[in-house]
C-alpha atoms as a PDB file:
ATOM      1  CA  MET A   1      -0.101   0.053  -0.028  1.00  0.00           C
ATOM      2  CA  ILE A   2       1.489   3.286  -0.963  1.00  0.00           C
ATOM      3  CA  ILE A   3       1.239   5.744   2.061  1.00  0.00           C
ATOM      4  CA  LYS A   4       3.224   8.592   0.592  1.00  0.00           C
ATOM      5  CA  GLU A   5       3.039   9.274  -3.051  1.00  0.00           C
ATOM      6  CA  ARG A   6       6.046  10.341  -5.034  1.00  0.00           C
ATOM      7  CA  THR A   7       5.640  14.061  -6.121  1.00  0.00           C
ATOM      8  CA  ILE A   8       7.944  16.296  -8.073  1.00  0.00           C
ATOM      9  CA  PRO A   9      10.638  17.828  -5.861  1.00  0.00           C
ATOM     10  CA  LEU A  10      10.272  21.361  -4.724  1.00  0.00           C
ATOM     11  CA  GLN A  11      13.869  22.060  -6.043  1.00  0.00           C
ATOM     12  CA  ILE A  12      12.993  20.857  -9.377  1.00  0.00           C
ATOM     13  CA  GLU A  13       9.941  22.954  -9.448  1.00  0.00           C
ATOM     14  CA  LYS A  14      11.851  26.041  -8.360  1.00  0.00           C
ATOM     15  CA  LEU A  15      14.567  25.489 -11.069  1.00  0.00           C
ATOM     16  CA  GLN A  16      11.757  25.074 -13.764  1.00  0.00           C
ATOM     17  CA  PHE A  17      10.384  28.563 -12.692  1.00  0.00           C
ATOM     18  CA  LEU A  18      13.789  30.093 -12.673  1.00  0.00           C
ATOM     19  CA  ILE A  19      14.700  29.173 -16.063  1.00  0.00           C
ATOM     20  CA  SER A  20      11.259  30.358 -17.268  1.00  0.00           C
ATOM     21  CA  ARG A  21      11.935  33.833 -15.670  1.00  0.00           C
ATOM     22  CA  THR A  22      15.581  33.898 -16.620  1.00  0.00           C
ATOM     23  CA  PRO A  23      16.680  35.779 -20.068  1.00  0.00           C
ATOM     24  CA  PRO A  24      17.777  32.951 -22.482  1.00  0.00           C
ATOM     25  CA  SER A  25      21.035  34.912 -22.924  1.00  0.00           C
ATOM     26  CA  HIS A  26      21.960  34.691 -19.062  1.00  0.00           C
ATOM     27  CA  PRO A  27      25.429  33.260 -18.628  1.00  0.00           C
ATOM     28  CA  LYS A  28      23.908  30.796 -16.050  1.00  0.00           C
ATOM     29  CA  MET A  29      21.248  29.417 -18.402  1.00  0.00           C
ATOM     30  CA  GLN A  30      23.224  26.366 -19.693  1.00  0.00           C
ATOM     31  CA  MET A  31      24.265  25.445 -16.206  1.00  0.00           C
ATOM     32  CA  MET A  32      20.522  25.500 -15.098  1.00  0.00           C
ATOM     33  CA  ASN A  33      19.346  23.531 -17.898  1.00  0.00           C
ATOM     34  CA  GLU A  34      22.176  20.818 -17.470  1.00  0.00           C
ATOM     35  CA  ASN A  35      21.178  20.744 -13.770  1.00  0.00           C
ATOM     36  CA  LEU A  36      17.336  20.403 -14.495  1.00  0.00           C
ATOM     37  CA  SER A  37      18.043  17.653 -16.799  1.00  0.00           C
ATOM     38  CA  LYS A  38      20.032  15.648 -14.241  1.00  0.00           C
ATOM     39  CA  ARG A  39      17.476  16.257 -11.689  1.00  0.00           C
ATOM     40  CA  LEU A  40      14.535  15.254 -13.981  1.00  0.00           C
ATOM     41  CA  SER A  41      16.480  12.174 -14.798  1.00  0.00           C
ATOM     42  CA  GLY A  42      16.827  11.142 -11.234  1.00  0.00           C
ATOM     43  CA  PHE A  43      13.077  11.773 -10.538  1.00  0.00           C
ATOM     44  CA  LYS A  44      12.292   9.714 -13.724  1.00  0.00           C
ATOM     45  CA  GLY A  45      14.380   6.869 -12.417  1.00  0.00           C
ATOM     46  CA  GLU A  46      12.442   6.864  -9.199  1.00  0.00           C
ATOM     47  CA  THR A  47       9.178   6.336 -11.210  1.00  0.00           C
ATOM     48  CA  TYR A  48      10.765   3.226 -12.528  1.00  0.00           C
ATOM     49  CA  LEU A  49      10.362   1.649  -9.129  1.00  0.00           C
ATOM     50  CA  ASP A  50       6.556   1.709  -9.550  1.00  0.00           C
ATOM     51  CA  TYR A  51       6.172  -1.552 -11.577  1.00  0.00           C
ATOM     52  CA  PRO A  52       8.358  -3.725  -9.563  1.00  0.00           C
ATOM     53  CA  LEU A  53       6.844  -2.349  -6.353  1.00  0.00           C
ATOM     54  CA  SER A  54       3.398  -2.969  -7.757  1.00  0.00           C
ATOM     55  CA  PHE A  55       3.862  -6.706  -7.069  1.00  0.00           C
ATOM     56  CA  LEU A  56       4.274  -6.243  -3.109  1.00  0.00           C
ATOM     57  CA  SER A  57       1.086  -7.254  -1.251  1.00  0.00           C
ATOM     58  CA  ASP A  58      -0.960  -3.988  -0.253  1.00  0.00           C
ATOM     59  CA  LYS A  59      -2.185  -5.884   2.925  1.00  0.00           C
ATOM     60  CA  ASP A  60       1.598  -6.569   4.069  1.00  0.00           C
ATOM     61  CA  TYR A  61       3.689  -3.786   2.953  1.00  0.00           C
ATOM     62  CA  TYR A  62       3.500  -0.080   3.284  1.00  0.00           C
ATOM     63  CA  ILE A  63       5.498   2.238   0.880  1.00  0.00           C
ATOM     64  CA  LEU A  64       6.633   5.707   1.392  1.00  0.00           C
ATOM     65  CA  HIS A  65       8.391   7.685  -1.340  1.00  0.00           C
ATOM     66  CA  ASP A  66      10.671  10.720  -1.154  1.00  0.00           C
ATOM     67  CA  LEU A  67      11.297  10.977   2.803  1.00  0.00           C
ATOM     68  CA  ARG A  68      13.499  13.472   4.260  1.00  0.00           C
ATOM     69  CA  ILE A  69      13.697  13.231   8.090  1.00  0.00           C
ATOM     70  CA  LYS A  70      16.171  13.940  10.791  1.00  0.00           C
ATOM     71  CA  ASP A  71      17.988  11.775  12.994  1.00  0.00           C
ATOM     72  CA  ALA A  72      19.341  13.291  16.480  1.00  0.00           C
ATOM     73  CA  THR A  73      21.535  15.705  14.381  1.00  0.00           C
ATOM     74  CA  HIS A  74      21.294  15.445  10.637  1.00  0.00           C
ATOM     75  CA  TYR A  75      18.674  15.082   7.778  1.00  0.00           C
ATOM     76  CA  PHE A  76      18.856  12.241   5.572  1.00  0.00           C
ATOM     77  CA  GLN A  77      16.773  11.297   2.308  1.00  0.00           C
ATOM     78  CA  ILE A  78      15.164   8.107   1.352  1.00  0.00           C
ATOM     79  CA  ASP A  79      13.896   7.438  -2.304  1.00  0.00           C
ATOM     80  CA  SER A  80      11.517   4.833  -1.234  1.00  0.00           C
ATOM     81  CA  PHE A  81      10.839   3.145   2.073  1.00  0.00           C
ATOM     82  CA  ILE A  82       9.221  -0.234   2.439  1.00  0.00           C
ATOM     83  CA  ILE A  83       7.658  -1.113   5.851  1.00  0.00           C
ATOM     84  CA  SER A  84       6.312  -4.593   7.012  1.00  0.00           C
ATOM     85  CA  THR A  85       6.096  -6.332  10.212  1.00  0.00           C
ATOM     86  CA  ASN A  86       9.241  -8.288   9.296  1.00  0.00           C
ATOM     87  CA  ILE A  87      11.739  -6.057   7.884  1.00  0.00           C
ATOM     88  CA  LEU A  88      12.268  -2.409   6.861  1.00  0.00           C
ATOM     89  CA  ILE A  89      13.748  -1.694   3.368  1.00  0.00           C
ATOM     90  CA  ILE A  90      15.646   1.380   2.142  1.00  0.00           C
ATOM     91  CA  LEU A  91      15.791   1.795  -1.772  1.00  0.00           C
ATOM     92  CA  GLU A  92      18.243   4.194  -3.066  1.00  0.00           C
ATOM     93  CA  VAL A  93      17.776   4.902  -6.879  1.00  0.00           C
ATOM     94  CA  LYS A  94      20.422   5.457  -9.590  1.00  0.00           C
ATOM     95  CA  ASN A  95      19.328   6.354 -12.923  1.00  0.00           C
ATOM     96  CA  ILE A  96      22.831   6.210 -14.662  1.00  0.00           C
ATOM     97  CA  ALA A  97      23.322   4.722 -18.177  1.00  0.00           C
ATOM     98  CA  GLY A  98      26.798   3.252 -19.186  1.00  0.00           C
ATOM     99  CA  ASP A  99      29.248   0.857 -18.119  1.00  0.00           C
ATOM    100  CA  ILE A 100      29.046   1.154 -14.232  1.00  0.00           C
ATOM    101  CA  TYR A 101      32.012  -0.256 -12.212  1.00  0.00           C
ATOM    102  CA  LEU A 102      31.617  -0.357  -8.306  1.00  0.00           C
ATOM    103  CA  ASP A 103      35.185  -0.286  -6.943  1.00  0.00           C
ATOM    104  CA  PRO A 104      35.217  -1.927  -3.560  1.00  0.00           C
ATOM    105  CA  ILE A 105      38.710  -0.829  -2.804  1.00  0.00           C
ATOM    106  CA  PHE A 106      38.709   2.985  -3.200  1.00  0.00           C
ATOM    107  CA  HIS A 107      34.798   3.028  -2.745  1.00  0.00           C
ATOM    108  CA  GLN A 108      33.983   4.736  -5.901  1.00  0.00           C
ATOM    109  CA  LEU A 109      31.308   4.425  -8.632  1.00  0.00           C
ATOM    110  CA  ILE A 110      33.069   4.723 -12.032  1.00  0.00           C
ATOM    111  CA  ARG A 111      30.789   5.323 -15.032  1.00  0.00           C
ATOM    112  CA  THR A 112      32.207   4.943 -18.646  1.00  0.00           C
ATOM    113  CA  LEU A 113      30.046   6.324 -21.305  1.00  0.00           C
ATOM    114  CA  ASP A 114      30.919   7.202 -24.948  1.00  0.00           C
ATOM    115  CA  GLY A 115      34.548   6.581 -23.824  1.00  0.00           C
ATOM    116  CA  LYS A 116      34.414   9.194 -21.079  1.00  0.00           C
ATOM    117  CA  GLU A 117      34.806   8.227 -17.471  1.00  0.00           C
ATOM    118  CA  THR A 118      33.031   9.857 -14.537  1.00  0.00           C
ATOM    119  CA  VAL A 119      33.425   9.324 -10.713  1.00  0.00           C
ATOM    120  CA  PHE A 120      30.449   9.372  -8.571  1.00  0.00           C
ATOM    121  CA  GLU A 121      30.064   8.842  -4.759  1.00  0.00           C
ATOM    122  CA  ASP A 122      30.007   5.182  -3.743  1.00  0.00           C
ATOM    123  CA  PRO A 123      26.225   4.403  -3.145  1.00  0.00           C
ATOM    124  CA  ILE A 124      27.238   1.628  -0.859  1.00  0.00           C
ATOM    125  CA  ILE A 125      28.632   4.085   1.434  1.00  0.00           C
ATOM    126  CA  GLN A 126      25.472   6.251   1.043  1.00  0.00           C
ATOM    127  CA  ILE A 127      23.032   3.635   1.972  1.00  0.00           C
ATOM    128  CA  ASN A 128      25.018   2.343   4.825  1.00  0.00           C
ATOM    129  CA  ARG A 129      24.813   5.714   6.331  1.00  0.00           C
ATOM    130  CA  GLN A 130      21.119   5.726   5.663  1.00  0.00           C
ATOM    131  CA  GLU A 131      20.815   2.694   7.537  1.00  0.00           C
ATOM    132  CA  LEU A 132      22.695   4.172  10.512  1.00  0.00           C
ATOM    133  CA  GLN A 133      20.605   7.246  10.599  1.00  0.00           C
ATOM    134  CA  LEU A 134      17.399   5.160  10.342  1.00  0.00           C
ATOM    135  CA  LYS A 135      18.422   3.165  13.297  1.00  0.00           C
ATOM    136  CA  LYS A 136      19.111   6.279  15.377  1.00  0.00           C
ATOM    137  CA  TRP A 137      15.630   7.763  14.426  1.00  0.00           C
ATOM    138  CA  LEU A 138      14.075   4.250  15.513  1.00  0.00           C
ATOM    139  CA  ARG A 139      15.719   4.182  18.860  1.00  0.00           C
ATOM    140  CA  LYS A 140      14.866   7.797  19.474  1.00  0.00           C
ATOM    141  CA  HIS A 141      11.219   7.106  19.190  1.00  0.00           C
ATOM    142  CA  GLN A 142      11.538   3.920  20.934  1.00  0.00           C
ATOM    143  CA  PHE A 143      10.506   1.533  18.172  1.00  0.00           C
ATOM    144  CA  PRO A 144      11.161  -2.299  18.660  1.00  0.00           C
ATOM    145  CA  LYS A 145      14.268  -3.738  17.044  1.00  0.00           C
ATOM    146  CA  ILE A 146      13.577  -4.860  13.491  1.00  0.00           C
ATOM    147  CA  PRO A 147      16.108  -5.785  10.596  1.00  0.00           C
ATOM    148  CA  ILE A 148      16.873  -2.781   8.378  1.00  0.00           C
ATOM    149  CA  LEU A 149      18.215  -3.665   4.985  1.00  0.00           C
ATOM    150  CA  SER A 150      19.075  -1.274   2.057  1.00  0.00           C
ATOM    151  CA  LEU A 151      19.495  -1.741  -1.636  1.00  0.00           C
ATOM    152  CA  VAL A 152      20.959   0.397  -4.360  1.00  0.00           C
ATOM    153  CA  VAL A 153      18.606   0.054  -7.631  1.00  0.00           C
ATOM    154  CA  PHE A 154      19.925   1.022 -10.867  1.00  0.00           C
ATOM    155  CA  THR A 155      16.788   1.804 -13.046  1.00  0.00           C
ATOM    156  CA  HIS A 156      18.447   2.810 -16.306  1.00  0.00           C
ATOM    157  CA  PRO A 157      17.768   0.128 -19.005  1.00  0.00           C
ATOM    158  CA  LYS A 158      21.227   0.772 -20.491  1.00  0.00           C
ATOM    159  CA  ALA A 159      23.275   0.353 -17.186  1.00  0.00           C
ATOM    160  CA  LEU A 160      25.830  -2.465 -17.294  1.00  0.00           C
ATOM    161  CA  LEU A 161      26.925  -3.152 -13.759  1.00  0.00           C
ATOM    162  CA  ARG A 162      30.264  -4.598 -12.915  1.00  0.00           C
ATOM    163  CA  THR A 163      32.414  -5.295  -9.781  1.00  0.00           C
ATOM    164  CA  SER A 164      35.444  -7.209  -8.584  1.00  0.00           C
ATOM    165  CA  PRO A 165      34.952 -10.979  -9.109  1.00  0.00           C
ATOM    166  CA  GLU A 166      35.928 -11.834  -5.528  1.00  0.00           C
ATOM    167  CA  ASN A 167      33.658  -8.979  -3.963  1.00  0.00           C
ATOM    168  CA  LEU A 168      30.674 -10.828  -2.950  1.00  0.00           C
ATOM    169  CA  ALA A 169      29.187  -8.095  -0.746  1.00  0.00           C
ATOM    170  CA  ILE A 170      28.095  -5.658  -3.441  1.00  0.00           C
ATOM    171  CA  PRO A 171      25.732  -8.061  -5.187  1.00  0.00           C
ATOM    172  CA  GLN A 172      23.790  -8.179  -1.939  1.00  0.00           C
ATOM    173  CA  LYS A 173      23.530  -4.591  -1.935  1.00  0.00           C
ATOM    174  CA  VAL A 174      23.068  -3.710  -5.774  1.00  0.00           C
ATOM    175  CA  VAL A 175      20.273  -4.769  -8.112  1.00  0.00           C
ATOM    176  CA  HIS A 176      19.075  -3.786 -11.385  1.00  0.00           C
ATOM    177  CA  ARG A 177      15.320  -2.609 -11.612  1.00  0.00           C
ATOM    178  CA  ASN A 178      14.558  -5.919 -13.417  1.00  0.00           C
ATOM    179  CA  PHE A 179      15.554  -8.053 -10.630  1.00  0.00           C
ATOM    180  CA  LEU A 180      14.106  -5.972  -7.603  1.00  0.00           C
ATOM    181  CA  SER A 181      10.788  -7.957  -7.569  1.00  0.00           C
ATOM    182  CA  THR A 182      12.683 -11.161  -7.232  1.00  0.00           C
ATOM    183  CA  LYS A 183      15.070  -9.686  -4.609  1.00  0.00           C
ATOM    184  CA  LEU A 184      12.152  -8.332  -2.606  1.00  0.00           C
ATOM    185  CA  THR A 185      10.631 -11.804  -2.874  1.00  0.00           C
ATOM    186  CA  GLN A 186      13.895 -13.557  -1.624  1.00  0.00           C
ATOM    187  CA  LEU A 187      13.958 -11.206   1.531  1.00  0.00           C
ATOM    188  CA  GLU A 188      10.450 -11.903   2.305  1.00  0.00           C
ATOM    189  CA  THR A 189      11.337 -15.511   2.506  1.00  0.00           C
ATOM    190  CA  GLU A 190      14.377 -14.914   4.349  1.00  0.00           C
ATOM    191  CA  TYR A 191      12.880 -12.484   7.121  1.00  0.00           C
ATOM    192  CA  SER A 192       9.572 -14.061   8.039  1.00  0.00           C
ATOM    193  CA  GLU A 193       9.600 -13.601  11.626  1.00  0.00           C
ATOM    194  CA  GLU A 194       7.380 -10.705  12.817  1.00  0.00           C
ATOM    195  CA  ARG A 195       9.288  -8.135  14.621  1.00  0.00           C
ATOM    196  CA  ILE A 196       6.759  -5.209  15.012  1.00  0.00           C
ATOM    197  CA  SER A 197       3.305  -4.847  15.423  1.00  0.00           C
ATOM    198  CA  ILE A 198       0.625  -3.091  13.077  1.00  0.00           C
ATOM    199  CA  LYS A 199       0.134  -0.528  15.794  1.00  0.00           C
ATOM    200  CA  ASP A 200       3.916   0.148  15.802  1.00  0.00           C
ATOM    201  CA  ILE A 201       3.765   0.459  12.004  1.00  0.00           C
ATOM    202  CA  LYS A 202       0.936   2.937  12.217  1.00  0.00           C
ATOM    203  CA  ARG A 203       2.697   4.986  14.775  1.00  0.00           C
ATOM    204  CA  MET A 204       5.815   5.009  12.652  1.00  0.00           C
ATOM    205  CA  ILE A 205       4.158   6.240   9.443  1.00  0.00           C
ATOM    206  CA  LYS A 206       2.454   8.764  11.467  1.00  0.00           C
ATOM    207  CA  LEU A 207       5.752  10.092  12.687  1.00  0.00           C
ATOM    208  CA  LEU A 208       7.371   9.861   9.520  1.00  0.00           C
ATOM    209  CA  LYS A 209       4.778  11.936   7.712  1.00  0.00           C
ATOM    210  CA  LYS A 210       4.682  14.374  10.380  1.00  0.00           C
ATOM    211  CA  GLN A 211       8.425  14.762  10.488  1.00  0.00           C
ATOM    212  CA  HIS A 212       9.063  14.792   6.630  1.00  0.00           C
ATOM    213  CA  THR A 213      10.748  17.988   5.672  1.00  0.00           C
ATOM    214  CA  PRO A 214      11.194  18.669   1.956  1.00  0.00           C
ATOM    215  CA  LEU A 215      14.528  20.222   0.953  1.00  0.00           C
ATOM    216  CA  ASP A 216      13.982  23.981   0.415  1.00  0.00           C
ATOM    217  CA  GLN A 217      17.111  25.957  -0.610  1.00  0.00           C
ATOM    218  CA  PRO A 218      16.932  29.538  -1.906  1.00  0.00           C
ATOM    219  CA  ILE A 219      17.251  28.664  -5.489  1.00  0.00           C
ATOM    220  CA  LEU A 220      18.634  32.244  -6.445  1.00  0.00           C
ATOM    221  CA  GLU A 221      21.440  31.941  -4.068  1.00  0.00           C
ATOM    222  CA  GLN A 222      22.622  28.601  -5.683  1.00  0.00           C
ATOM    223  CA  TYR A 223      23.090  30.429  -9.037  1.00  0.00           C
ATOM    224  CA  GLY A 224      24.201  33.751  -7.993  1.00  0.00           C
ATOM    225  CA  ILE A 225      21.092  35.314  -9.562  1.00  0.00           C
ATOM    226  CA  GLY A 226      19.281  38.580  -8.207  1.00  0.00           C
ATOM    227  CA  CYS A 227      15.540  38.859  -8.237  1.00  0.00           C
ATOM    228  CA  ASP A 228      16.055  42.041 -10.177  1.00  0.00           C
ATOM    229  CA  GLU A 229      17.619  39.987 -13.074  1.00  0.00           C
ATOM    230  CA  LEU A 230      14.498  38.076 -13.701  1.00  0.00           C
ATOM    231  CA  ARG A 231      11.915  38.621 -16.421  1.00  0.00           C
ATOM    232  CA  LYS A 232       8.995  40.625 -14.906  1.00  0.00           C
ATOM    233  CA  GLY A 233       5.334  40.149 -15.756  1.00  0.00           C
ATOM    234  CA  VAL A 234       2.479  37.764 -15.984  1.00  0.00           C
ATOM    235  CA  ILE A 235       3.185  34.667 -18.126  1.00  0.00           C
ATOM    236  CA  CYS A 236       0.484  33.566 -20.554  1.00  0.00           C
ATOM    237  CA  PRO A 237      -0.414  29.758 -19.574  1.00  0.00           C
ATOM    238  CA  ALA A 238      -1.507  28.969 -23.224  1.00  0.00           C
ATOM    239  CA  CYS A 239       1.494  30.077 -25.188  1.00  0.00           C
ATOM    240  CA  LEU A 240       4.090  31.221 -22.425  1.00  0.00           C
ATOM    241  CA  HIS A 241       4.429  34.630 -23.960  1.00  0.00           C
ATOM    242  CA  LEU A 242       5.489  37.362 -21.477  1.00  0.00           C
ATOM    243  CA  PRO A 243       3.916  39.704 -20.267  1.00  0.00           C
ATOM    244  CA  MET A 244       0.152  39.545 -20.579  1.00  0.00           C
ATOM    245  CA  GLU A 245      -1.612  42.786 -20.297  1.00  0.00           C
ATOM    246  CA  ARG A 246      -4.268  43.863 -17.843  1.00  0.00           C
ATOM    247  CA  VAL A 247      -7.366  45.174 -19.549  1.00  0.00           C
ATOM    248  CA  PHE A 248     -10.839  45.736 -17.886  1.00  0.00           C
ATOM    249  CA  GLY A 249     -10.160  43.228 -15.007  1.00  0.00           C
ATOM    250  CA  THR A 250      -8.739  40.535 -17.383  1.00  0.00           C
ATOM    251  CA  TRP A 251      -5.204  39.343 -18.257  1.00  0.00           C
ATOM    252  CA  ASN A 252      -4.792  39.567 -22.127  1.00  0.00           C
ATOM    253  CA  CYS A 253      -2.086  37.951 -24.107  1.00  0.00           C
ATOM    254  CA  PRO A 254      -1.091  40.039 -27.052  1.00  0.00           C
ATOM    255  CA  GLN A 255       0.362  37.152 -28.879  1.00  0.00           C
ATOM    256  CA  CYS A 256      -2.366  34.257 -28.767  1.00  0.00           C
ATOM    257  CA  LYS A 257      -5.243  36.570 -27.552  1.00  0.00           C
ATOM    258  CA  ASN A 258      -5.876  34.319 -24.632  1.00  0.00           C
ATOM    259  CA  LYS A 259      -7.669  35.807 -21.723  1.00  0.00           C
ATOM    260  CA  GLU A 260      -7.240  34.784 -18.093  1.00  0.00           C
ATOM    261  CA  LYS A 261      -8.991  36.134 -15.095  1.00  0.00           C
ATOM    262  CA  ASN A 262      -6.579  34.796 -12.353  1.00  0.00           C
ATOM    263  CA  ALA A 263      -3.186  34.539 -14.218  1.00  0.00           C
ATOM    264  CA  HIS A 264      -1.417  36.788 -11.700  1.00  0.00           C
ATOM    265  CA  ILE A 265      -1.720  34.165  -9.078  1.00  0.00           C
ATOM    266  CA  SER A 266       0.790  31.948 -11.087  1.00  0.00           C
ATOM    267  CA  ALA A 267       3.099  34.947 -11.337  1.00  0.00           C
ATOM    268  CA  LEU A 268       2.989  35.545  -7.557  1.00  0.00           C
ATOM    269  CA  LYS A 269       3.829  31.969  -6.999  1.00  0.00           C
ATOM    270  CA  ASP A 270       6.798  32.496  -9.150  1.00  0.00           C
ATOM    271  CA  TYR A 271       7.831  35.305  -6.909  1.00  0.00           C
ATOM    272  CA  PHE A 272       7.236  33.277  -3.698  1.00  0.00           C
ATOM    273  CA  LEU A 273       9.415  30.451  -4.990  1.00  0.00           C
ATOM    274  CA  LEU A 274      12.178  32.446  -6.427  1.00  0.00           C
ATOM    275  CA  CYS A 275      12.267  35.722  -4.392  1.00  0.00           C
ATOM    276  CA  GLY A 276      10.651  34.887  -1.143  1.00  0.00           C
ATOM    277  CA  SER A 277       7.319  35.162   0.735  1.00  0.00           C
ATOM    278  CA  GLU A 278       7.535  38.858   1.744  1.00  0.00           C
ATOM    279  CA  ILE A 279       6.227  41.314  -1.014  1.00  0.00           C
ATOM    280  CA  THR A 280       5.188  44.874  -0.813  1.00  0.00           C
ATOM    281  CA  ASN A 281       2.674  46.675  -2.962  1.00  0.00           C
ATOM    282  CA  GLU A 282       5.511  48.371  -4.738  1.00  0.00           C
ATOM    283  CA  LYS A 283       7.310  44.859  -5.264  1.00  0.00           C
ATOM    284  CA  ALA A 284       4.011  43.592  -6.638  1.00  0.00           C
ATOM    285  CA  ARG A 285       3.533  46.262  -9.098  1.00  0.00           C
ATOM    286  CA  ASP A 286       7.251  45.649 -10.346  1.00  0.00           C
ATOM    287  CA  PHE A 287       6.743  41.807 -10.663  1.00  0.00           C
ATOM    288  CA  LEU A 288       3.481  41.882 -12.184  1.00  0.00           C
ATOM    289  CA  GLN A 289       4.278  44.881 -14.325  1.00  0.00           C
ATOM    290  CA  ILE A 290       1.287  47.108 -13.400  1.00  0.00           C
ATOM    291  CA  SER A 291       1.440  50.684 -12.563  1.00  0.00           C
ATOM    292  CA  SER A 292      -1.732  51.106 -10.346  1.00  0.00           C
ATOM    293  CA  PRO A 293      -0.894  50.924  -6.445  1.00  0.00           C
ATOM    294  CA  TYR A 294      -4.862  50.440  -6.158  1.00  0.00           C
ATOM    295  CA  LEU A 295      -4.847  47.356  -8.469  1.00  0.00           C
ATOM    296  CA  ALA A 296      -1.992  45.783  -6.726  1.00  0.00           C
ATOM    297  CA  SER A 297      -3.411  46.195  -3.496  1.00  0.00           C
ATOM    298  CA  ARG A 298      -6.714  44.680  -4.726  1.00  0.00           C
ATOM    299  CA  LEU A 299      -5.060  41.649  -6.326  1.00  0.00           C
ATOM    300  CA  LEU A 300      -2.952  41.193  -3.025  1.00  0.00           C
ATOM    301  CA  HIS A 301      -5.843  41.388  -0.869  1.00  0.00           C
ATOM    302  CA  SER A 302      -7.985  39.049  -2.749  1.00  0.00           C
ATOM    303  CA  LEU A 303      -5.692  36.269  -1.873  1.00  0.00           C
ATOM    304  CA  LYS A 304      -6.389  36.808   1.964  1.00  0.00           C
ATOM    305  CA  LEU A 305      -2.792  37.049   2.738  1.00  0.00           C
ATOM    306  CA  PRO A 306      -1.488  37.881   6.273  1.00  0.00           C
ATOM    307  CA  SER A 307       0.176  41.360   6.467  1.00  0.00           C
ATOM    308  CA  ASP A 308       1.986  43.572   8.731  1.00  0.00           C
ATOM    309  CA  GLY A 309       2.327  47.439   8.849  1.00  0.00           C
ATOM    310  CA  THR A 310       0.506  50.428   7.789  1.00  0.00           C
ATOM    311  CA  THR A 311      -1.182  50.706   4.412  1.00  0.00           C
ATOM    312  CA  LYS A 312       1.756  52.749   2.987  1.00  0.00           C
ATOM    313  CA  ASN A 313       4.518  50.214   4.391  1.00  0.00           C
ATOM    314  CA  ARG A 314       2.401  47.089   4.441  1.00  0.00           C
ATOM    315  CA  ILE A 315       4.360  43.840   3.818  1.00  0.00           C
ATOM    316  CA  TYR A 316       2.194  40.675   2.687  1.00  0.00           C
ATOM    317  CA  TYR A 317       3.193  37.368   3.291  1.00  0.00           C
ATOM    318  CA  LEU A 318       2.819  34.874   0.341  1.00  0.00           C
ATOM    319  CA  SER A 319       2.142  31.275   0.758  1.00  0.00           C
ATOM    320  CA  PHE A 320       1.273  28.575  -1.691  1.00  0.00           C
ATOM    321  CA  LYS A 321       0.557  24.786  -0.917  1.00  0.00           C
ATOM    322  CA  LYS A 322       2.612  22.596  -3.314  1.00  0.00           C
END
């Protein structure tokens, strides 16, 4: 049973909005597009788990995707987390194409693609660390002892996995997506003893969902871009032209003639995700590309936003649920 669905990460959403608001000639544009491609590839790789996980019994297994929780001192991320009364399983997804060599001596992942070698962090170290952090979290919340296993799942269909012939530990920790269902069945047979109750599982799920904290980093700071460098105005949802024009209470697109009543809400969401939650009448006018303080005030008031200060110096606090 899927308890927490997989959603597009906030950092991907922010990067998509940043690219749409950044002038095409900006020197950071190529870097942003490359990073977005990598992040989308990683997210797509996680969705490849859906098919093999669909073979698990809804009655016996509980699945939470994209968890980010804190042990005693540090946050840690789990791509997919499987809970049963017998065992807990962490899945770490790698959507990497090419000839993949897992080096057990120097603890590196070396990918060869089109004659070029690229070095990545050893995923075995990564999942071992996740196991330790999860154990700390379970102890902190006084859950009964239960076996915890972790697997690195390579999801790209063109990933060729290799390691040293004498290294028997890595094949126990690393699988290709095509073998994941078989591997989970093997673990189900191997760990057949019940260790925690359904009551414990429900408490665990409740805590995990409550403590889940999505990664939320200021995207402009990451790329050294100022809010004043962004393209201002309301973007047409039909043809993506910018800016739309406000005419008699409606946003009109001069390019495709599309008309929208509330297109400013999407623009203010862009501002919220990129520039921050605090906005003034002056900043709203600048970002929406309107001249009337009265119109800006009316649009902000219509969202029923909390605010501080007098009419002239009022600060509004934007908030948009994901």
